[in-house]
Amino acid sequence: MPTHAEKRVLPHTPEQMFKLVADVERYPEFLPWCVGTRIRKREGNSIMADMAVGYRMFRERFTSRVDLAYPKRIDVTYFEGPFSYLNNHWIFSAHGHGQCEIDFFVDFEFRSRFLEKAFQVVFNEAVKRMVTAFEKRAKALYG
């Protein structure tokens, strides 16, 4: 049951960071191990999306609903795939002039004991690299 919670202050606005995280179709361009995304359906402020992730011999696909509460919060609800459950949120708060505090949380469990054990070894480093990838993408887009 890996869990990760992290807060970072970035020199970008909450609106900018929200748009970056909400742009699921662009994840394969910058997010480590994300090999593909597909939007199944857009309805109001919700997106049903598939994401394929891969690392060496591992490759998995999962589906989730992404609820967008512009510009403050993004919640991800797991629907199908290799997990028993997945809880994920991003909260964006103004922090000083033109800055944003990001509150990131992810908690999940693989159905497969093998995948769970394999991923536990690299979990903290993998999540930090993913959060850093969003930070680098923000710098590339917004300066």
C-alpha atoms as a PDB file:
ATOM      1  CA  MET A   1       0.000   0.000   0.000  1.00  0.00           C
ATOM      2  CA  PRO A   2       2.393   2.736  -1.122  1.00  0.00           C
ATOM      3  CA  THR A   3       1.371   6.258  -0.105  1.00  0.00           C
ATOM      4  CA  HIS A   4       3.065   9.524  -0.930  1.00  0.00           C
ATOM      5  CA  ALA A   5       2.154  13.056   0.129  1.00  0.00           C
ATOM      6  CA  GLU A   6       4.175  16.095  -0.856  1.00  0.00           C
ATOM      7  CA  LYS A   7       3.882  19.864  -0.906  1.00  0.00           C
ATOM      8  CA  ARG A   8       5.966  22.140  -3.093  1.00  0.00           C
ATOM      9  CA  VAL A   9       5.921  25.867  -3.774  1.00  0.00           C
ATOM     10  CA  LEU A  10       6.507  26.731  -7.417  1.00  0.00           C
ATOM     11  CA  PRO A  11       6.933  30.101  -9.172  1.00  0.00           C
ATOM     12  CA  HIS A  12       3.762  29.620 -11.232  1.00  0.00           C
ATOM     13  CA  THR A  13       0.123  30.491 -10.629  1.00  0.00           C
ATOM     14  CA  PRO A  14      -2.455  27.946  -9.439  1.00  0.00           C
ATOM     15  CA  GLU A  15      -4.226  28.391 -12.783  1.00  0.00           C
ATOM     16  CA  GLN A  16      -1.067  27.509 -14.721  1.00  0.00           C
ATOM     17  CA  MET A  17      -0.349  24.444 -12.607  1.00  0.00           C
ATOM     18  CA  PHE A  18      -3.953  23.297 -12.773  1.00  0.00           C
ATOM     19  CA  LYS A  19      -3.936  23.494 -16.575  1.00  0.00           C
ATOM     20  CA  LEU A  20      -0.667  21.565 -16.776  1.00  0.00           C
ATOM     21  CA  VAL A  21      -1.883  18.710 -14.549  1.00  0.00           C
ATOM     22  CA  ALA A  22      -5.321  18.631 -16.212  1.00  0.00           C
ATOM     23  CA  ASP A  23      -3.752  18.233 -19.682  1.00  0.00           C
ATOM     24  CA  VAL A  24      -3.721  14.429 -19.484  1.00  0.00           C
ATOM     25  CA  GLU A  25      -3.180  13.994 -23.236  1.00  0.00           C
ATOM     26  CA  ARG A  26       0.302  15.562 -22.951  1.00  0.00           C
ATOM     27  CA  TYR A  27       1.592  13.267 -20.173  1.00  0.00           C
ATOM     28  CA  PRO A  28       3.530  10.962 -22.527  1.00  0.00           C
ATOM     29  CA  GLU A  29       5.588  13.996 -23.634  1.00  0.00           C
ATOM     30  CA  PHE A  30       7.152  14.533 -20.211  1.00  0.00           C
ATOM     31  CA  LEU A  31       6.002  12.082 -17.540  1.00  0.00           C
ATOM     32  CA  PRO A  32       8.425   9.211 -16.818  1.00  0.00           C
ATOM     33  CA  TRP A  33       7.043   5.755 -17.597  1.00  0.00           C
ATOM     34  CA  CYS A  34       3.856   7.148 -19.172  1.00  0.00           C
ATOM     35  CA  VAL A  35       3.764   5.519 -22.588  1.00  0.00           C
ATOM     36  CA  GLY A  36       0.299   6.620 -23.625  1.00  0.00           C
ATOM     37  CA  THR A  37      -2.979   8.267 -22.652  1.00  0.00           C
ATOM     38  CA  ARG A  38      -6.411   8.231 -24.201  1.00  0.00           C
ATOM     39  CA  ILE A  39      -9.456  10.290 -23.306  1.00  0.00           C
ATOM     40  CA  ARG A  40     -12.523   8.053 -23.360  1.00  0.00           C
ATOM     41  CA  LYS A  41     -15.073  10.716 -22.517  1.00  0.00           C
ATOM     42  CA  ARG A  42     -15.395  14.333 -21.397  1.00  0.00           C
ATOM     43  CA  GLU A  43     -18.502  15.250 -19.463  1.00  0.00           C
ATOM     44  CA  GLY A  44     -18.773  18.590 -17.681  1.00  0.00           C
ATOM     45  CA  ASN A  45     -15.788  18.870 -15.354  1.00  0.00           C
ATOM     46  CA  SER A  46     -14.912  15.161 -15.543  1.00  0.00           C
ATOM     47  CA  ILE A  47     -12.682  13.182 -17.858  1.00  0.00           C
ATOM     48  CA  MET A  48     -12.589   9.393 -18.230  1.00  0.00           C
ATOM     49  CA  ALA A  49      -9.045   8.537 -19.258  1.00  0.00           C
ATOM     50  CA  ASP A  50      -6.841   5.531 -19.916  1.00  0.00           C
ATOM     51  CA  MET A  51      -3.153   5.658 -19.087  1.00  0.00           C
ATOM     52  CA  ALA A  52      -0.541   3.119 -20.113  1.00  0.00           C
ATOM     53  CA  VAL A  53       2.608   2.961 -18.008  1.00  0.00           C
ATOM     54  CA  GLY A  54       5.676   0.904 -18.625  1.00  0.00           C
ATOM     55  CA  TYR A  55       9.083   0.217 -17.184  1.00  0.00           C
ATOM     56  CA  ARG A  56      11.398  -2.459 -18.564  1.00  0.00           C
ATOM     57  CA  MET A  57       9.324  -5.647 -18.749  1.00  0.00           C
ATOM     58  CA  PHE A  58       6.312  -4.176 -16.949  1.00  0.00           C
ATOM     59  CA  ARG A  59       3.461  -2.565 -18.865  1.00  0.00           C
ATOM     60  CA  GLU A  60       0.032  -1.839 -17.433  1.00  0.00           C
ATOM     61  CA  ARG A  61      -3.029   0.151 -18.425  1.00  0.00           C
ATOM     62  CA  PHE A  62      -5.607   1.627 -16.104  1.00  0.00           C
ATOM     63  CA  THR A  63      -8.713   3.761 -16.362  1.00  0.00           C
ATOM     64  CA  SER A  64      -9.663   6.580 -14.035  1.00  0.00           C
ATOM     65  CA  ARG A  65     -12.053   9.469 -13.745  1.00  0.00           C
ATOM     66  CA  VAL A  66     -10.407  12.862 -13.373  1.00  0.00           C
ATOM     67  CA  ASP A  67     -12.602  15.467 -11.658  1.00  0.00           C
ATOM     68  CA  LEU A  68     -11.533  19.043 -12.362  1.00  0.00           C
ATOM     69  CA  ALA A  69     -12.431  21.831  -9.926  1.00  0.00           C
ATOM     70  CA  TYR A  70     -10.689  24.726 -11.703  1.00  0.00           C
ATOM     71  CA  PRO A  71      -8.332  26.181 -10.496  1.00  0.00           C
ATOM     72  CA  LYS A  72      -8.099  24.662  -7.034  1.00  0.00           C
ATOM     73  CA  ARG A  73      -8.252  20.872  -7.166  1.00  0.00           C
ATOM     74  CA  ILE A  74      -7.984  17.725  -9.292  1.00  0.00           C
ATOM     75  CA  ASP A  75      -9.211  14.386  -7.935  1.00  0.00           C
ATOM     76  CA  VAL A  76      -8.525  11.048  -9.592  1.00  0.00           C
ATOM     77  CA  THR A  77     -10.847   8.084  -9.007  1.00  0.00           C
ATOM     78  CA  TYR A  78      -9.737   4.646 -10.132  1.00  0.00           C
ATOM     79  CA  PHE A  79     -12.071   2.535 -12.325  1.00  0.00           C
ATOM     80  CA  GLU A  80     -10.221  -0.458 -13.774  1.00  0.00           C
ATOM     81  CA  GLY A  81      -6.781  -1.921 -14.198  1.00  0.00           C
ATOM     82  CA  PRO A  82      -4.054  -3.540 -12.089  1.00  0.00           C
ATOM     83  CA  PHE A  83      -4.878  -1.847  -8.772  1.00  0.00           C
ATOM     84  CA  SER A  84      -7.088  -2.851  -5.868  1.00  0.00           C
ATOM     85  CA  TYR A  85      -7.557   0.884  -5.360  1.00  0.00           C
ATOM     86  CA  LEU A  86      -5.978   4.209  -6.291  1.00  0.00           C
ATOM     87  CA  ASN A  87      -6.585   7.559  -4.607  1.00  0.00           C
ATOM     88  CA  ASN A  88      -4.913  10.648  -5.988  1.00  0.00           C
ATOM     89  CA  HIS A  89      -5.401  14.392  -5.657  1.00  0.00           C
ATOM     90  CA  TRP A  90      -3.704  17.649  -6.513  1.00  0.00           C
ATOM     91  CA  ILE A  91      -4.587  20.830  -4.603  1.00  0.00           C
ATOM     92  CA  PHE A  92      -3.370  24.203  -5.920  1.00  0.00           C
ATOM     93  CA  SER A  93      -3.208  27.184  -3.554  1.00  0.00           C
ATOM     94  CA  ALA A  94      -1.961  30.723  -4.109  1.00  0.00           C
ATOM     95  CA  HIS A  95       1.278  31.271  -2.210  1.00  0.00           C
ATOM     96  CA  GLY A  96       2.613  34.795  -2.447  1.00  0.00           C
ATOM     97  CA  HIS A  97       2.584  36.802  -5.642  1.00  0.00           C
ATOM     98  CA  GLY A  98       2.457  34.540  -8.709  1.00  0.00           C
ATOM     99  CA  GLN A  99       3.371  31.404  -6.788  1.00  0.00           C
ATOM    100  CA  CYS A 100       1.499  28.188  -6.161  1.00  0.00           C
ATOM    101  CA  GLU A 101       1.686  25.648  -3.378  1.00  0.00           C
ATOM    102  CA  ILE A 102       0.968  22.188  -4.745  1.00  0.00           C
ATOM    103  CA  ASP A 103      -0.376  19.540  -2.395  1.00  0.00           C
ATOM    104  CA  PHE A 104       0.045  16.149  -4.085  1.00  0.00           C
ATOM    105  CA  PHE A 105      -1.223  12.865  -2.645  1.00  0.00           C
ATOM    106  CA  VAL A 106      -1.294   9.339  -4.043  1.00  0.00           C
ATOM    107  CA  ASP A 107      -2.241   6.072  -2.346  1.00  0.00           C
ATOM    108  CA  PHE A 108      -2.699   2.758  -4.131  1.00  0.00           C
ATOM    109  CA  GLU A 109      -2.374  -0.978  -3.932  1.00  0.00           C
ATOM    110  CA  PHE A 110      -1.705  -3.426  -6.755  1.00  0.00           C
ATOM    111  CA  ARG A 111      -3.930  -6.498  -7.015  1.00  0.00           C
ATOM    112  CA  SER A 112      -0.849  -8.583  -7.805  1.00  0.00           C
ATOM    113  CA  ARG A 113       1.454  -9.286  -4.849  1.00  0.00           C
ATOM    114  CA  PHE A 114       4.313  -9.604  -7.342  1.00  0.00           C
ATOM    115  CA  LEU A 115       3.746  -6.083  -8.748  1.00  0.00           C
ATOM    116  CA  GLU A 116       3.261  -4.709  -5.242  1.00  0.00           C
ATOM    117  CA  LYS A 117       6.595  -6.117  -4.055  1.00  0.00           C
ATOM    118  CA  ALA A 118       8.442  -5.068  -7.218  1.00  0.00           C
ATOM    119  CA  PHE A 119       7.134  -1.513  -7.077  1.00  0.00           C
ATOM    120  CA  GLN A 120       7.689  -0.978  -3.340  1.00  0.00           C
ATOM    121  CA  VAL A 121      11.443  -1.036  -3.933  1.00  0.00           C
ATOM    122  CA  VAL A 122      11.347   1.991  -6.246  1.00  0.00           C
ATOM    123  CA  PHE A 123       8.106   3.692  -5.168  1.00  0.00           C
ATOM    124  CA  ASN A 124       9.432   6.792  -3.346  1.00  0.00           C
ATOM    125  CA  GLU A 125      12.011   7.566  -6.010  1.00  0.00           C
ATOM    126  CA  ALA A 126       9.494   6.997  -8.811  1.00  0.00           C
ATOM    127  CA  VAL A 127       6.900   9.346  -7.308  1.00  0.00           C
ATOM    128  CA  LYS A 128       9.498  12.046  -6.646  1.00  0.00           C
ATOM    129  CA  ARG A 129      10.647  11.788 -10.271  1.00  0.00           C
ATOM    130  CA  MET A 130       7.062  12.116 -11.458  1.00  0.00           C
ATOM    131  CA  VAL A 131       6.385  15.212  -9.346  1.00  0.00           C
ATOM    132  CA  THR A 132       9.692  16.689 -10.507  1.00  0.00           C
ATOM    133  CA  ALA A 133       8.649  16.003 -14.127  1.00  0.00           C
ATOM    134  CA  PHE A 134       5.570  18.194 -13.623  1.00  0.00           C
ATOM    135  CA  GLU A 135       7.788  20.892 -12.096  1.00  0.00           C
ATOM    136  CA  LYS A 136      10.188  20.772 -15.080  1.00  0.00           C
ATOM    137  CA  ARG A 137       7.278  20.843 -17.521  1.00  0.00           C
ATOM    138  CA  ALA A 138       5.916  23.945 -15.789  1.00  0.00           C
ATOM    139  CA  LYS A 139       9.295  25.642 -16.114  1.00  0.00           C
ATOM    140  CA  ALA A 140       9.455  24.755 -19.813  1.00  0.00           C
ATOM    141  CA  LEU A 141       5.936  26.065 -20.469  1.00  0.00           C
ATOM    142  CA  TYR A 142       5.806  29.092 -18.192  1.00  0.00           C
ATOM    143  CA  GLY A 143       9.436  30.084 -17.672  1.00  0.00           C
END
